[in-house]
Each structure stands twice: as structure tokens, then as C-alpha cells.
Amino acid sequence: MKILMDTNFLLIPFKERIDIYDEINFQFPDSELFTLKSCVKELEKLKQKAAIDLLKQKKVKVLNSEKGDVDKNIVYYAENENMVVATVDRRLREELKVKGVAYIYLRQRKFLKIYKGKPLKNL
């Protein structure tokens, strides 16, 4: 399963003290982790060097993204590359739900939960 993480999801280890990488590995053992170049740029703007370093350490693949709205790029990749989106952004989750795209979110600030959306391959 391919999991595409957005910027706010990448900040969970620092804001909520939850190791999202271990949780994902536990719940979805054969998953591949991705993020967008625009998300990395947002982390740079926010001066979140630790989050960027963690991305590199965990070997998260960075995908090129078009200029413009990051959320639109996330939805595009999710739909066209059969990816599950990892986000805590409520507005983005609603958009994904309407489109039937699966997403992972933080539940009760404690654990990760998945909304399955349309049936996906390898989910």
C-alpha cells in the first residue's frame, strides 16, 4: 500500500509525541511512504528541520508536485496513483471522502485510524 503523508501529518511526532512511522509499520506492514516536494518546502518554511531529518531517516520518498495548492496535488496523486492519504486536515479529509479516496487520520490524539473509501487494490 502506498501512503502519501501531508505536512500536518508529518508534524504529529513533534506535536502529539506519537511515532507515526512505527504505527504505520505496525498497522500496514508492507506500506511505502511518500510525501510531496511541496510538503517538504512547507516544513522548511515552518523551520521544522527535525521533521525533514526524520523523513530522510525513515526513507520517505519525495514526489514532485505541481505549483499551486498542495491539497489539490495530494488529491491528484491519491486518485491517480491509488494512494492512501495520511492527514489530520479536516477539510482535506472531507474532500477525500467525497471522492471516495481512503485516508489515515489521528483518532483521539492517540492512534491512527483508516477511512477506506472506495475499494483499493492491496488494502
PDB file of N, CA and C in Angstrom:
ATOM      1  N   MET A   1       0.846  -1.173   0.000  1.00  0.00           N
ATOM      2  CA  MET A   1       0.000   0.000   0.000  1.00  0.00           C
ATOM      3  C   MET A   1       0.891   1.234   0.000  1.00  0.00           C
ATOM      4  N   LYS A   2       0.527   2.203  -0.831  1.00  0.00           N
ATOM      5  CA  LYS A   2       1.251   3.473  -0.909  1.00  0.00           C
ATOM      6  C   LYS A   2       0.529   4.489  -0.031  1.00  0.00           C
ATOM      7  N   ILE A   3       1.288   5.112   0.870  1.00  0.00           N
ATOM      8  CA  ILE A   3       0.712   6.107   1.775  1.00  0.00           C
ATOM      9  C   ILE A   3       1.373   7.457   1.505  1.00  0.00           C
ATOM     10  N   LEU A   4       0.545   8.451   1.206  1.00  0.00           N
ATOM     11  CA  LEU A   4       1.002   9.805   0.926  1.00  0.00           C
ATOM     12  C   LEU A   4       0.712  10.686   2.144  1.00  0.00           C
ATOM     13  N   MET A   5       1.760  11.178   2.778  1.00  0.00           N
ATOM     14  CA  MET A   5       1.608  11.966   4.012  1.00  0.00           C
ATOM     15  C   MET A   5       1.669  13.459   3.705  1.00  0.00           C
ATOM     16  N   ASP A   6       0.750  14.219   4.300  1.00  0.00           N
ATOM     17  CA  ASP A   6       0.783  15.666   4.119  1.00  0.00           C
ATOM     18  C   ASP A   6       1.583  16.313   5.241  1.00  0.00           C
ATOM     19  N   THR A   7       1.754  17.606   5.143  1.00  0.00           N
ATOM     20  CA  THR A   7       2.621  18.341   6.064  1.00  0.00           C
ATOM     21  C   THR A   7       2.195  18.196   7.521  1.00  0.00           C
ATOM     22  N   ASN A   8       0.916  18.410   7.815  1.00  0.00           N
ATOM     23  CA  ASN A   8       0.490  18.358   9.213  1.00  0.00           C
ATOM     24  C   ASN A   8       0.619  16.957   9.795  1.00  0.00           C
ATOM     25  N   PHE A   9       0.497  15.942   8.971  1.00  0.00           N
ATOM     26  CA  PHE A   9       0.672  14.569   9.451  1.00  0.00           C
ATOM     27  C   PHE A   9       2.137  14.328   9.822  1.00  0.00           C
ATOM     28  N   LEU A  10       3.036  14.915   9.049  1.00  0.00           N
ATOM     29  CA  LEU A  10       4.475  14.771   9.325  1.00  0.00           C
ATOM     30  C   LEU A  10       4.898  15.454  10.625  1.00  0.00           C
ATOM     31  N   LEU A  11       4.061  16.349  11.128  1.00  0.00           N
ATOM     32  CA  LEU A  11       4.369  17.058  12.367  1.00  0.00           C
ATOM     33  C   LEU A  11       3.825  16.357  13.615  1.00  0.00           C
ATOM     34  N   ILE A  12       3.025  15.309  13.453  1.00  0.00           N
ATOM     35  CA  ILE A  12       2.441  14.597  14.596  1.00  0.00           C
ATOM     36  C   ILE A  12       3.497  14.122  15.605  1.00  0.00           C
ATOM     37  N   PRO A  13       4.634  13.558  15.156  1.00  0.00           N
ATOM     38  CA  PRO A  13       5.614  13.095  16.152  1.00  0.00           C
ATOM     39  C   PRO A  13       6.086  14.203  17.093  1.00  0.00           C
ATOM     40  N   PHE A  14       6.055  15.440  16.624  1.00  0.00           N
ATOM     41  CA  PHE A  14       6.554  16.565  17.421  1.00  0.00           C
ATOM     42  C   PHE A  14       5.444  17.267  18.199  1.00  0.00           C
ATOM     43  N   LYS A  15       4.225  17.236  17.686  1.00  0.00           N
ATOM     44  CA  LYS A  15       3.110  17.888  18.369  1.00  0.00           C
ATOM     45  C   LYS A  15       2.404  16.961  19.346  1.00  0.00           C
ATOM     46  N   GLU A  16       2.236  15.703  18.951  1.00  0.00           N
ATOM     47  CA  GLU A  16       1.460  14.758  19.765  1.00  0.00           C
ATOM     48  C   GLU A  16       2.314  13.665  20.408  1.00  0.00           C
ATOM     49  N   ARG A  17       3.585  13.639  20.072  1.00  0.00           N
ATOM     50  CA  ARG A  17       4.516  12.630  20.630  1.00  0.00           C
ATOM     51  C   ARG A  17       4.087  11.199  20.276  1.00  0.00           C
ATOM     52  N   ILE A  18       3.623  11.030  19.041  1.00  0.00           N
ATOM     53  CA  ILE A  18       3.240   9.711  18.549  1.00  0.00           C
ATOM     54  C   ILE A  18       4.171   9.369  17.389  1.00  0.00           C
ATOM     55  N   ASP A  19       4.765   8.193  17.435  1.00  0.00           N
ATOM     56  CA  ASP A  19       5.649   7.768  16.360  1.00  0.00           C
ATOM     57  C   ASP A  19       4.795   7.221  15.213  1.00  0.00           C
ATOM     58  N   ILE A  20       4.455   8.095  14.298  1.00  0.00           N
ATOM     59  CA  ILE A  20       3.583   7.717  13.189  1.00  0.00           C
ATOM     60  C   ILE A  20       4.223   6.646  12.313  1.00  0.00           C
ATOM     61  N   TYR A  21       5.527   6.665  12.218  1.00  0.00           N
ATOM     62  CA  TYR A  21       6.214   5.698  11.368  1.00  0.00           C
ATOM     63  C   TYR A  21       6.082   4.284  11.938  1.00  0.00           C
ATOM     64  N   ASP A  22       6.257   4.140  13.232  1.00  0.00           N
ATOM     65  CA  ASP A  22       6.079   2.831  13.865  1.00  0.00           C
ATOM     66  C   ASP A  22       4.621   2.384  13.791  1.00  0.00           C
ATOM     67  N   GLU A  23       3.705   3.314  14.000  1.00  0.00           N
ATOM     68  CA  GLU A  23       2.279   2.989  13.938  1.00  0.00           C
ATOM     69  C   GLU A  23       1.888   2.521  12.535  1.00  0.00           C
ATOM     70  N   ILE A  24       2.357   3.222  11.530  1.00  0.00           N
ATOM     71  CA  ILE A  24       2.045   2.831  10.156  1.00  0.00           C
ATOM     72  C   ILE A  24       2.653   1.463   9.862  1.00  0.00           C
ATOM     73  N   ASN A  25       3.897   1.281  10.262  1.00  0.00           N
ATOM     74  CA  ASN A  25       4.559  -0.002  10.037  1.00  0.00           C
ATOM     75  C   ASN A  25       3.828  -1.143  10.749  1.00  0.00           C
ATOM     76  N   PHE A  26       3.293  -0.870  11.937  1.00  0.00           N
ATOM     77  CA  PHE A  26       2.571  -1.880  12.692  1.00  0.00           C
ATOM     78  C   PHE A  26       1.227  -2.212  12.035  1.00  0.00           C
ATOM     79  N   GLN A  27       0.473  -1.181  11.669  1.00  0.00           N
ATOM     80  CA  GLN A  27      -0.866  -1.386  11.112  1.00  0.00           C
ATOM     81  C   GLN A  27      -0.864  -1.773   9.631  1.00  0.00           C
ATOM     82  N   PHE A  28       0.128  -1.282   8.900  1.00  0.00           N
ATOM     83  CA  PHE A  28       0.216  -1.525   7.456  1.00  0.00           C
ATOM     84  C   PHE A  28       1.650  -1.935   7.124  1.00  0.00           C
ATOM     85  N   PRO A  29       2.043  -3.157   7.477  1.00  0.00           N
ATOM     86  CA  PRO A  29       3.445  -3.580   7.427  1.00  0.00           C
ATOM     87  C   PRO A  29       4.138  -3.469   6.067  1.00  0.00           C
ATOM     88  N   ASP A  30       3.453  -3.651   4.989  1.00  0.00           N
ATOM     89  CA  ASP A  30       4.106  -3.625   3.682  1.00  0.00           C
ATOM     90  C   ASP A  30       3.873  -2.313   2.945  1.00  0.00           C
ATOM     91  N   SER A  31       3.719  -1.235   3.670  1.00  0.00           N
ATOM     92  CA  SER A  31       3.410   0.036   3.028  1.00  0.00           C
ATOM     93  C   SER A  31       4.682   0.775   2.610  1.00  0.00           C
ATOM     94  N   GLU A  32       4.510   1.604   1.583  1.00  0.00           N
ATOM     95  CA  GLU A  32       5.555   2.506   1.126  1.00  0.00           C
ATOM     96  C   GLU A  32       5.115   3.918   1.501  1.00  0.00           C
ATOM     97  N   LEU A  33       6.048   4.712   2.024  1.00  0.00           N
ATOM     98  CA  LEU A  33       5.710   6.064   2.462  1.00  0.00           C
ATOM     99  C   LEU A  33       6.190   7.108   1.460  1.00  0.00           C
ATOM    100  N   PHE A  34       5.299   8.073   1.211  1.00  0.00           N
ATOM    101  CA  PHE A  34       5.588   9.152   0.270  1.00  0.00           C
ATOM    102  C   PHE A  34       5.155  10.482   0.871  1.00  0.00           C
ATOM    103  N   THR A  35       5.738  11.545   0.366  1.00  0.00           N
ATOM    104  CA  THR A  35       5.251  12.895   0.612  1.00  0.00           C
ATOM    105  C   THR A  35       5.542  13.695  -0.648  1.00  0.00           C
ATOM    106  N   LEU A  36       5.054  14.920  -0.697  1.00  0.00           N
ATOM    107  CA  LEU A  36       5.273  15.771  -1.856  1.00  0.00           C
ATOM    108  C   LEU A  36       6.397  16.762  -1.589  1.00  0.00           C
ATOM    109  N   LYS A  37       7.059  17.156  -2.658  1.00  0.00           N
ATOM    110  CA  LYS A  37       8.119  18.158  -2.549  1.00  0.00           C
ATOM    111  C   LYS A  37       7.562  19.445  -1.930  1.00  0.00           C
ATOM    112  N   SER A  38       6.315  19.790  -2.264  1.00  0.00           N
ATOM    113  CA  SER A  38       5.699  20.997  -1.714  1.00  0.00           C
ATOM    114  C   SER A  38       5.480  20.871  -0.200  1.00  0.00           C
ATOM    115  N   CYS A  39       5.262  19.645   0.302  1.00  0.00           N
ATOM    116  CA  CYS A  39       5.132  19.438   1.750  1.00  0.00           C
ATOM    117  C   CYS A  39       6.481  19.648   2.442  1.00  0.00           C
ATOM    118  N   VAL A  40       7.540  19.183   1.796  1.00  0.00           N
ATOM    119  CA  VAL A  40       8.890  19.386   2.344  1.00  0.00           C
ATOM    120  C   VAL A  40       9.199  20.883   2.384  1.00  0.00           C
ATOM    121  N   LYS A  41       8.801  21.601   1.334  1.00  0.00           N
ATOM    122  CA  LYS A  41       9.018  23.057   1.310  1.00  0.00           C
ATOM    123  C   LYS A  41       8.235  23.742   2.431  1.00  0.00           C
ATOM    124  N   GLU A  42       7.017  23.268   2.703  1.00  0.00           N
ATOM    125  CA  GLU A  42       6.236  23.824   3.815  1.00  0.00           C
ATOM    126  C   GLU A  42       6.961  23.581   5.140  1.00  0.00           C
ATOM    127  N   LEU A  43       7.534  22.389   5.302  1.00  0.00           N
ATOM    128  CA  LEU A  43       8.291  22.093   6.528  1.00  0.00           C
ATOM    129  C   LEU A  43       9.502  23.010   6.643  1.00  0.00           C
ATOM    130  N   GLU A  44      10.158  23.283   5.525  1.00  0.00           N
ATOM    131  CA  GLU A  44      11.297  24.204   5.532  1.00  0.00           C
ATOM    132  C   GLU A  44      10.850  25.603   5.947  1.00  0.00           C
ATOM    133  N   LYS A  45       9.705  26.055   5.404  1.00  0.00           N
ATOM    134  CA  LYS A  45       9.160  27.370   5.763  1.00  0.00           C
ATOM    135  C   LYS A  45       8.855  27.460   7.256  1.00  0.00           C
ATOM    136  N   LEU A  46       8.345  26.346   7.798  1.00  0.00           N
ATOM    137  CA  LEU A  46       7.998  26.300   9.222  1.00  0.00           C
ATOM    138  C   LEU A  46       9.215  26.038  10.113  1.00  0.00           C
ATOM    139  N   LYS A  47      10.384  25.911   9.473  1.00  0.00           N
ATOM    140  CA  LYS A  47      11.644  25.639  10.182  1.00  0.00           C
ATOM    141  C   LYS A  47      11.566  24.360  11.007  1.00  0.00           C
ATOM    142  N   GLN A  48      11.027  23.319  10.391  1.00  0.00           N
ATOM    143  CA  GLN A  48      10.873  22.006  11.034  1.00  0.00           C
ATOM    144  C   GLN A  48      11.961  21.058  10.542  1.00  0.00           C
ATOM    145  N   LYS A  49      13.215  21.413  10.848  1.00  0.00           N
ATOM    146  CA  LYS A  49      14.357  20.611  10.406  1.00  0.00           C
ATOM    147  C   LYS A  49      14.276  19.184  10.939  1.00  0.00           C
ATOM    148  N   ALA A  50      13.818  19.013  12.165  1.00  0.00           N
ATOM    149  CA  ALA A  50      13.718  17.666  12.743  1.00  0.00           C
ATOM    150  C   ALA A  50      12.761  16.786  11.940  1.00  0.00           C
ATOM    151  N   ALA A  51      11.660  17.366  11.474  1.00  0.00           N
ATOM    152  CA  ALA A  51      10.701  16.599  10.670  1.00  0.00           C
ATOM    153  C   ALA A  51      11.316  16.214   9.330  1.00  0.00           C
ATOM    154  N   ILE A  52      12.073  17.112   8.736  1.00  0.00           N
ATOM    155  CA  ILE A  52      12.748  16.829   7.467  1.00  0.00           C
ATOM    156  C   ILE A  52      13.804  15.746   7.664  1.00  0.00           C
ATOM    157  N   ASP A  53      14.558  15.850   8.736  1.00  0.00           N
ATOM    158  CA  ASP A  53      15.572  14.830   9.040  1.00  0.00           C
ATOM    159  C   ASP A  53      14.928  13.464   9.251  1.00  0.00           C
ATOM    160  N   LEU A  54      13.781  13.448   9.911  1.00  0.00           N
ATOM    161  CA  LEU A  54      13.068  12.188  10.152  1.00  0.00           C
ATOM    162  C   LEU A  54      12.574  11.574   8.833  1.00  0.00           C
ATOM    163  N   LEU A  55      12.154  12.416   7.913  1.00  0.00           N
ATOM    164  CA  LEU A  55      11.756  11.936   6.587  1.00  0.00           C
ATOM    165  C   LEU A  55      12.907  11.189   5.913  1.00  0.00           C
ATOM    166  N   LYS A  56      14.071  11.797   5.984  1.00  0.00           N
ATOM    167  CA  LYS A  56      15.251  11.182   5.369  1.00  0.00           C
ATOM    168  C   LYS A  56      15.628   9.890   6.085  1.00  0.00           C
ATOM    169  N   GLN A  57      15.597   9.933   7.403  1.00  0.00           N
ATOM    170  CA  GLN A  57      15.954   8.756   8.207  1.00  0.00           C
ATOM    171  C   GLN A  57      15.019   7.584   7.909  1.00  0.00           C
ATOM    172  N   LYS A  58      13.734   7.853   7.761  1.00  0.00           N
ATOM    173  CA  LYS A  58      12.735   6.808   7.515  1.00  0.00           C
ATOM    174  C   LYS A  58      12.596   6.470   6.031  1.00  0.00           C
ATOM    175  N   LYS A  59      13.431   7.115   5.197  1.00  0.00           N
ATOM    176  CA  LYS A  59      13.464   6.846   3.752  1.00  0.00           C
ATOM    177  C   LYS A  59      12.108   7.060   3.072  1.00  0.00           C
ATOM    178  N   VAL A  60      11.474   8.155   3.428  1.00  0.00           N
ATOM    179  CA  VAL A  60      10.211   8.536   2.797  1.00  0.00           C
ATOM    180  C   VAL A  60      10.528   9.095   1.409  1.00  0.00           C
ATOM    181  N   LYS A  61       9.849   8.576   0.407  1.00  0.00           N
ATOM    182  CA  LYS A  61      10.078   9.025  -0.970  1.00  0.00           C
ATOM    183  C   LYS A  61       9.358  10.358  -1.181  1.00  0.00           C
ATOM    184  N   VAL A  62      10.066  11.289  -1.837  1.00  0.00           N
ATOM    185  CA  VAL A  62       9.509  12.614  -2.101  1.00  0.00           C
ATOM    186  C   VAL A  62       9.123  12.692  -3.575  1.00  0.00           C
ATOM    187  N   LEU A  63       7.851  12.978  -3.814  1.00  0.00           N
ATOM    188  CA  LEU A  63       7.316  13.072  -5.169  1.00  0.00           C
ATOM    189  C   LEU A  63       7.292  14.524  -5.625  1.00  0.00           C
ATOM    190  N   ASN A  64       7.569  14.747  -6.901  1.00  0.00           N
ATOM    191  CA  ASN A  64       7.445  16.098  -7.454  1.00  0.00           C
ATOM    192  C   ASN A  64       5.991  16.510  -7.425  1.00  0.00           C
ATOM    193  N   SER A  65       5.761  17.776  -7.237  1.00  0.00           N
ATOM    194  CA  SER A  65       4.385  18.269  -7.231  1.00  0.00           C
ATOM    195  C   SER A  65       4.311  19.549  -8.043  1.00  0.00           C
ATOM    196  N   GLU A  66       3.164  19.768  -8.622  1.00  0.00           N
ATOM    197  CA  GLU A  66       2.940  20.971  -9.409  1.00  0.00           C
ATOM    198  C   GLU A  66       2.874  22.174  -8.484  1.00  0.00           C
ATOM    199  N   LYS A  67       3.151  23.331  -9.044  1.00  0.00           N
ATOM    200  CA  LYS A  67       2.991  24.558  -8.264  1.00  0.00           C
ATOM    201  C   LYS A  67       1.512  24.754  -8.006  1.00  0.00           C
ATOM    202  N   GLY A  68       1.213  25.434  -6.932  1.00  0.00           N
ATOM    203  CA  GLY A  68      -0.189  25.679  -6.626  1.00  0.00           C
ATOM    204  C   GLY A  68      -0.586  25.033  -5.314  1.00  0.00           C
ATOM    205  N   ASP A  69      -1.845  24.739  -5.216  1.00  0.00           N
ATOM    206  CA  ASP A  69      -2.421  24.225  -3.977  1.00  0.00           C
ATOM    207  C   ASP A  69      -1.905  22.825  -3.652  1.00  0.00           C
ATOM    208  N   VAL A  70      -1.325  22.680  -2.476  1.00  0.00           N
ATOM    209  CA  VAL A  70      -0.762  21.404  -2.029  1.00  0.00           C
ATOM    210  C   VAL A  70      -1.857  20.354  -1.904  1.00  0.00           C
ATOM    211  N   ASP A  71      -2.990  20.716  -1.342  1.00  0.00           N
ATOM    212  CA  ASP A  71      -4.082  19.752  -1.168  1.00  0.00           C
ATOM    213  C   ASP A  71      -4.573  19.200  -2.510  1.00  0.00           C
ATOM    214  N   LYS A  72      -4.643  20.052  -3.536  1.00  0.00           N
ATOM    215  CA  LYS A  72      -5.065  19.584  -4.856  1.00  0.00           C
ATOM    216  C   LYS A  72      -4.057  18.577  -5.412  1.00  0.00           C
ATOM    217  N   ASN A  73      -2.782  18.830  -5.180  1.00  0.00           N
ATOM    218  CA  ASN A  73      -1.746  17.885  -5.608  1.00  0.00           C
ATOM    219  C   ASN A  73      -1.873  16.558  -4.867  1.00  0.00           C
ATOM    220  N   ILE A  74      -2.191  16.624  -3.593  1.00  0.00           N
ATOM    221  CA  ILE A  74      -2.366  15.405  -2.794  1.00  0.00           C
ATOM    222  C   ILE A  74      -3.547  14.592  -3.334  1.00  0.00           C
ATOM    223  N   VAL A  75      -4.656  15.259  -3.590  1.00  0.00           N
ATOM    224  CA  VAL A  75      -5.837  14.576  -4.129  1.00  0.00           C
ATOM    225  C   VAL A  75      -5.522  13.979  -5.497  1.00  0.00           C
ATOM    226  N   TYR A  76      -4.809  14.718  -6.325  1.00  0.00           N
ATOM    227  CA  TYR A  76      -4.434  14.222  -7.646  1.00  0.00           C
ATOM    228  C   TYR A  76      -3.632  12.915  -7.523  1.00  0.00           C
ATOM    229  N   TYR A  77      -2.579  12.908  -6.715  1.00  0.00           N
ATOM    230  CA  TYR A  77      -1.763  11.708  -6.545  1.00  0.00           C
ATOM    231  C   TYR A  77      -2.584  10.561  -5.960  1.00  0.00           C
ATOM    232  N   ALA A  78      -3.400  10.864  -4.978  1.00  0.00           N
ATOM    233  CA  ALA A  78      -4.208   9.821  -4.338  1.00  0.00           C
ATOM    234  C   ALA A  78      -5.115   9.133  -5.352  1.00  0.00           C
ATOM    235  N   GLU A  79      -5.753   9.923  -6.197  1.00  0.00           N
ATOM    236  CA  GLU A  79      -6.677   9.359  -7.182  1.00  0.00           C
ATOM    237  C   GLU A  79      -5.957   8.630  -8.317  1.00  0.00           C
ATOM    238  N   ASN A  80      -4.877   9.208  -8.794  1.00  0.00           N
ATOM    239  CA  ASN A  80      -4.219   8.674  -9.989  1.00  0.00           C
ATOM    240  C   ASN A  80      -3.160   7.613  -9.703  1.00  0.00           C
ATOM    241  N   GLU A  81      -2.646   7.580  -8.508  1.00  0.00           N
ATOM    242  CA  GLU A  81      -1.604   6.608  -8.167  1.00  0.00           C
ATOM    243  C   GLU A  81      -2.100   5.574  -7.157  1.00  0.00           C
ATOM    244  N   ASN A  82      -3.399   5.561  -6.892  1.00  0.00           N
ATOM    245  CA  ASN A  82      -4.000   4.610  -5.960  1.00  0.00           C
ATOM    246  C   ASN A  82      -3.319   4.656  -4.585  1.00  0.00           C
ATOM    247  N   MET A  83      -3.241   5.857  -4.029  1.00  0.00           N
ATOM    248  CA  MET A  83      -2.578   6.071  -2.742  1.00  0.00           C
ATOM    249  C   MET A  83      -3.592   6.347  -1.642  1.00  0.00           C
ATOM    250  N   VAL A  84      -3.207   6.004  -0.429  1.00  0.00           N
ATOM    251  CA  VAL A  84      -3.964   6.355   0.766  1.00  0.00           C
ATOM    252  C   VAL A  84      -3.316   7.615   1.319  1.00  0.00           C
ATOM    253  N   VAL A  85      -4.098   8.609   1.665  1.00  0.00           N
ATOM    254  CA  VAL A  85      -3.567   9.873   2.174  1.00  0.00           C
ATOM    255  C   VAL A  85      -3.555   9.838   3.697  1.00  0.00           C
ATOM    256  N   ALA A  86      -2.455  10.264   4.277  1.00  0.00           N
ATOM    257  CA  ALA A  86      -2.346  10.384   5.729  1.00  0.00           C
ATOM    258  C   ALA A  86      -2.400  11.874   6.065  1.00  0.00           C
ATOM    259  N   THR A  87      -3.453  12.280   6.775  1.00  0.00           N
ATOM    260  CA  THR A  87      -3.659  13.701   7.080  1.00  0.00           C
ATOM    261  C   THR A  87      -4.483  13.874   8.347  1.00  0.00           C
ATOM    262  N   VAL A  88      -4.329  15.018   8.969  1.00  0.00           N
ATOM    263  CA  VAL A  88      -5.221  15.399  10.067  1.00  0.00           C
ATOM    264  C   VAL A  88      -6.030  16.643   9.684  1.00  0.00           C
ATOM    265  N   ASP A  89      -5.881  17.087   8.453  1.00  0.00           N
ATOM    266  CA  ASP A  89      -6.581  18.253   7.931  1.00  0.00           C
ATOM    267  C   ASP A  89      -8.039  17.877   7.651  1.00  0.00           C
ATOM    268  N   ARG A  90      -8.940  18.430   8.422  1.00  0.00           N
ATOM    269  CA  ARG A  90     -10.361  18.085   8.320  1.00  0.00           C
ATOM    270  C   ARG A  90     -10.939  18.417   6.950  1.00  0.00           C
ATOM    271  N   ARG A  91     -10.578  19.566   6.413  1.00  0.00           N
ATOM    272  CA  ARG A  91     -11.095  19.979   5.106  1.00  0.00           C
ATOM    273  C   ARG A  91     -10.621  19.014   4.010  1.00  0.00           C
ATOM    274  N   LEU A  92      -9.359  18.632   4.067  1.00  0.00           N
ATOM    275  CA  LEU A  92      -8.821  17.681   3.093  1.00  0.00           C
ATOM    276  C   LEU A  92      -9.485  16.313   3.249  1.00  0.00           C
ATOM    277  N   ARG A  93      -9.708  15.894   4.475  1.00  0.00           N
ATOM    278  CA  ARG A  93     -10.376  14.605   4.705  1.00  0.00           C
ATOM    279  C   ARG A  93     -11.779  14.601   4.112  1.00  0.00           C
ATOM    280  N   GLU A  94     -12.502  15.686   4.257  1.00  0.00           N
ATOM    281  CA  GLU A  94     -13.855  15.781   3.686  1.00  0.00           C
ATOM    282  C   GLU A  94     -13.802  15.689   2.165  1.00  0.00           C
ATOM    283  N   GLU A  95     -12.843  16.366   1.563  1.00  0.00           N
ATOM    284  CA  GLU A  95     -12.704  16.310   0.109  1.00  0.00           C
ATOM    285  C   GLU A  95     -12.363  14.883  -0.344  1.00  0.00           C
ATOM    286  N   LEU A  96     -11.487  14.219   0.377  1.00  0.00           N
ATOM    287  CA  LEU A  96     -11.121  12.841   0.042  1.00  0.00           C
ATOM    288  C   LEU A  96     -12.319  11.909   0.187  1.00  0.00           C
ATOM    289  N   LYS A  97     -13.098  12.142   1.236  1.00  0.00           N
ATOM    290  CA  LYS A  97     -14.280  11.307   1.479  1.00  0.00           C
ATOM    291  C   LYS A  97     -15.279  11.431   0.331  1.00  0.00           C
ATOM    292  N   VAL A  98     -15.517  12.655  -0.121  1.00  0.00           N
ATOM    293  CA  VAL A  98     -16.440  12.895  -1.220  1.00  0.00           C
ATOM    294  C   VAL A  98     -15.964  12.167  -2.483  1.00  0.00           C
ATOM    295  N   LYS A  99     -14.662  12.133  -2.688  1.00  0.00           N
ATOM    296  CA  LYS A  99     -14.107  11.487  -3.880  1.00  0.00           C
ATOM    297  C   LYS A  99     -13.921   9.982  -3.684  1.00  0.00           C
ATOM    298  N   GLY A 100     -14.184   9.493  -2.460  1.00  0.00           N
ATOM    299  CA  GLY A 100     -14.050   8.068  -2.199  1.00  0.00           C
ATOM    300  C   GLY A 100     -12.619   7.601  -2.036  1.00  0.00           C
ATOM    301  N   VAL A 101     -11.729   8.515  -1.678  1.00  0.00           N
ATOM    302  CA  VAL A 101     -10.310   8.183  -1.505  1.00  0.00           C
ATOM    303  C   VAL A 101     -10.063   7.793  -0.051  1.00  0.00           C
ATOM    304  N   ALA A 102      -9.324   6.722   0.155  1.00  0.00           N
ATOM    305  CA  ALA A 102      -9.002   6.266   1.509  1.00  0.00           C
ATOM    306  C   ALA A 102      -8.020   7.234   2.168  1.00  0.00           C
ATOM    307  N   TYR A 103      -8.154   7.381   3.493  1.00  0.00           N
ATOM    308  CA  TYR A 103      -7.209   8.219   4.217  1.00  0.00           C
ATOM    309  C   TYR A 103      -6.991   7.682   5.629  1.00  0.00           C
ATOM    310  N   ILE A 104      -5.847   8.047   6.178  1.00  0.00           N
ATOM    311  CA  ILE A 104      -5.481   7.700   7.544  1.00  0.00           C
ATOM    312  C   ILE A 104      -5.487   8.993   8.340  1.00  0.00           C
ATOM    313  N   TYR A 105      -6.033   8.945   9.534  1.00  0.00           N
ATOM    314  CA  TYR A 105      -6.100  10.144  10.358  1.00  0.00           C
ATOM    315  C   TYR A 105      -5.819   9.786  11.813  1.00  0.00           C
ATOM    316  N   LEU A 106      -5.579  10.791  12.612  1.00  0.00           N
ATOM    317  CA  LEU A 106      -5.307  10.618  14.035  1.00  0.00           C
ATOM    318  C   LEU A 106      -6.617  10.649  14.795  1.00  0.00           C
ATOM    319  N   ARG A 107      -6.882   9.608  15.566  1.00  0.00           N
ATOM    320  CA  ARG A 107      -8.127   9.475  16.330  1.00  0.00           C
ATOM    321  C   ARG A 107      -7.844   9.717  17.798  1.00  0.00           C
ATOM    322  N   GLN A 108      -8.577  10.612  18.411  1.00  0.00           N
ATOM    323  CA  GLN A 108      -8.479  10.922  19.841  1.00  0.00           C
ATOM    324  C   GLN A 108      -7.058  11.268  20.274  1.00  0.00           C
ATOM    325  N   ARG A 109      -6.281  11.829  19.343  1.00  0.00           N
ATOM    326  CA  ARG A 109      -4.898  12.220  19.624  1.00  0.00           C
ATOM    327  C   ARG A 109      -4.053  11.078  20.170  1.00  0.00           C
ATOM    328  N   LYS A 110      -4.458   9.831  19.828  1.00  0.00           N
ATOM    329  CA  LYS A 110      -3.764   8.684  20.393  1.00  0.00           C
ATOM    330  C   LYS A 110      -3.363   7.647  19.364  1.00  0.00           C
ATOM    331  N   PHE A 111      -4.229   7.393  18.387  1.00  0.00           N
ATOM    332  CA  PHE A 111      -3.926   6.297  17.469  1.00  0.00           C
ATOM    333  C   PHE A 111      -4.401   6.621  16.060  1.00  0.00           C
ATOM    334  N   LEU A 112      -3.847   5.889  15.105  1.00  0.00           N
ATOM    335  CA  LEU A 112      -4.192   6.094  13.715  1.00  0.00           C
ATOM    336  C   LEU A 112      -5.368   5.217  13.322  1.00  0.00           C
ATOM    337  N   LYS A 113      -6.227   5.774  12.508  1.00  0.00           N
ATOM    338  CA  LYS A 113      -7.405   5.056  12.030  1.00  0.00           C
ATOM    339  C   LYS A 113      -7.508   5.288  10.525  1.00  0.00           C
ATOM    340  N   ILE A 114      -8.083   4.331   9.821  1.00  0.00           N
ATOM    341  CA  ILE A 114      -8.215   4.468   8.371  1.00  0.00           C
ATOM    342  C   ILE A 114      -9.682   4.547   7.967  1.00  0.00           C
ATOM    343  N   TYR A 115      -9.945   5.455   7.034  1.00  0.00           N
ATOM    344  CA  TYR A 115     -11.239   5.510   6.357  1.00  0.00           C
ATOM    345  C   TYR A 115     -10.977   4.887   4.990  1.00  0.00           C
ATOM    346  N   LYS A 116     -11.683   3.822   4.655  1.00  0.00           N
ATOM    347  CA  LYS A 116     -11.329   3.035   3.477  1.00  0.00           C
ATOM    348  C   LYS A 116     -11.810   3.602   2.150  1.00  0.00           C
ATOM    349  N   GLY A 117     -12.816   4.412   2.123  1.00  0.00           N
ATOM    350  CA  GLY A 117     -13.263   4.972   0.860  1.00  0.00           C
ATOM    351  C   GLY A 117     -13.680   3.886  -0.112  1.00  0.00           C
ATOM    352  N   LYS A 118     -13.411   4.107  -1.383  1.00  0.00           N
ATOM    353  CA  LYS A 118     -13.684   3.096  -2.413  1.00  0.00           C
ATOM    354  C   LYS A 118     -12.737   1.923  -2.196  1.00  0.00           C
ATOM    355  N   PRO A 119     -13.112   0.741  -2.627  1.00  0.00           N
ATOM    356  CA  PRO A 119     -12.185  -0.394  -2.524  1.00  0.00           C
ATOM    357  C   PRO A 119     -10.897  -0.119  -3.281  1.00  0.00           C
ATOM    358  N   LEU A 120      -9.778  -0.303  -2.597  1.00  0.00           N
ATOM    359  CA  LEU A 120      -8.469  -0.082  -3.210  1.00  0.00           C
ATOM    360  C   LEU A 120      -7.755  -1.411  -3.389  1.00  0.00           C
ATOM    361  N   LYS A 121      -6.898  -1.445  -4.329  1.00  0.00           N
ATOM    362  CA  LYS A 121      -6.060  -2.614  -4.504  1.00  0.00           C
ATOM    363  C   LYS A 121      -5.077  -2.674  -3.344  1.00  0.00           C
ATOM    364  N   ASN A 122      -4.799  -3.832  -2.847  1.00  0.00           N
ATOM    365  CA  ASN A 122      -3.802  -4.063  -1.788  1.00  0.00           C
ATOM    366  C   ASN A 122      -4.113  -3.338  -0.489  1.00  0.00           C
ATOM    367  N   LEU A 123      -5.357  -3.168  -0.141  1.00  0.00           N
ATOM    368  CA  LEU A 123      -5.712  -2.505   1.118  1.00  0.00           C
ATOM    369  C   LEU A 123      -6.309  -3.512   2.052  1.00  0.00           C
TER     370      LEU A 123
END
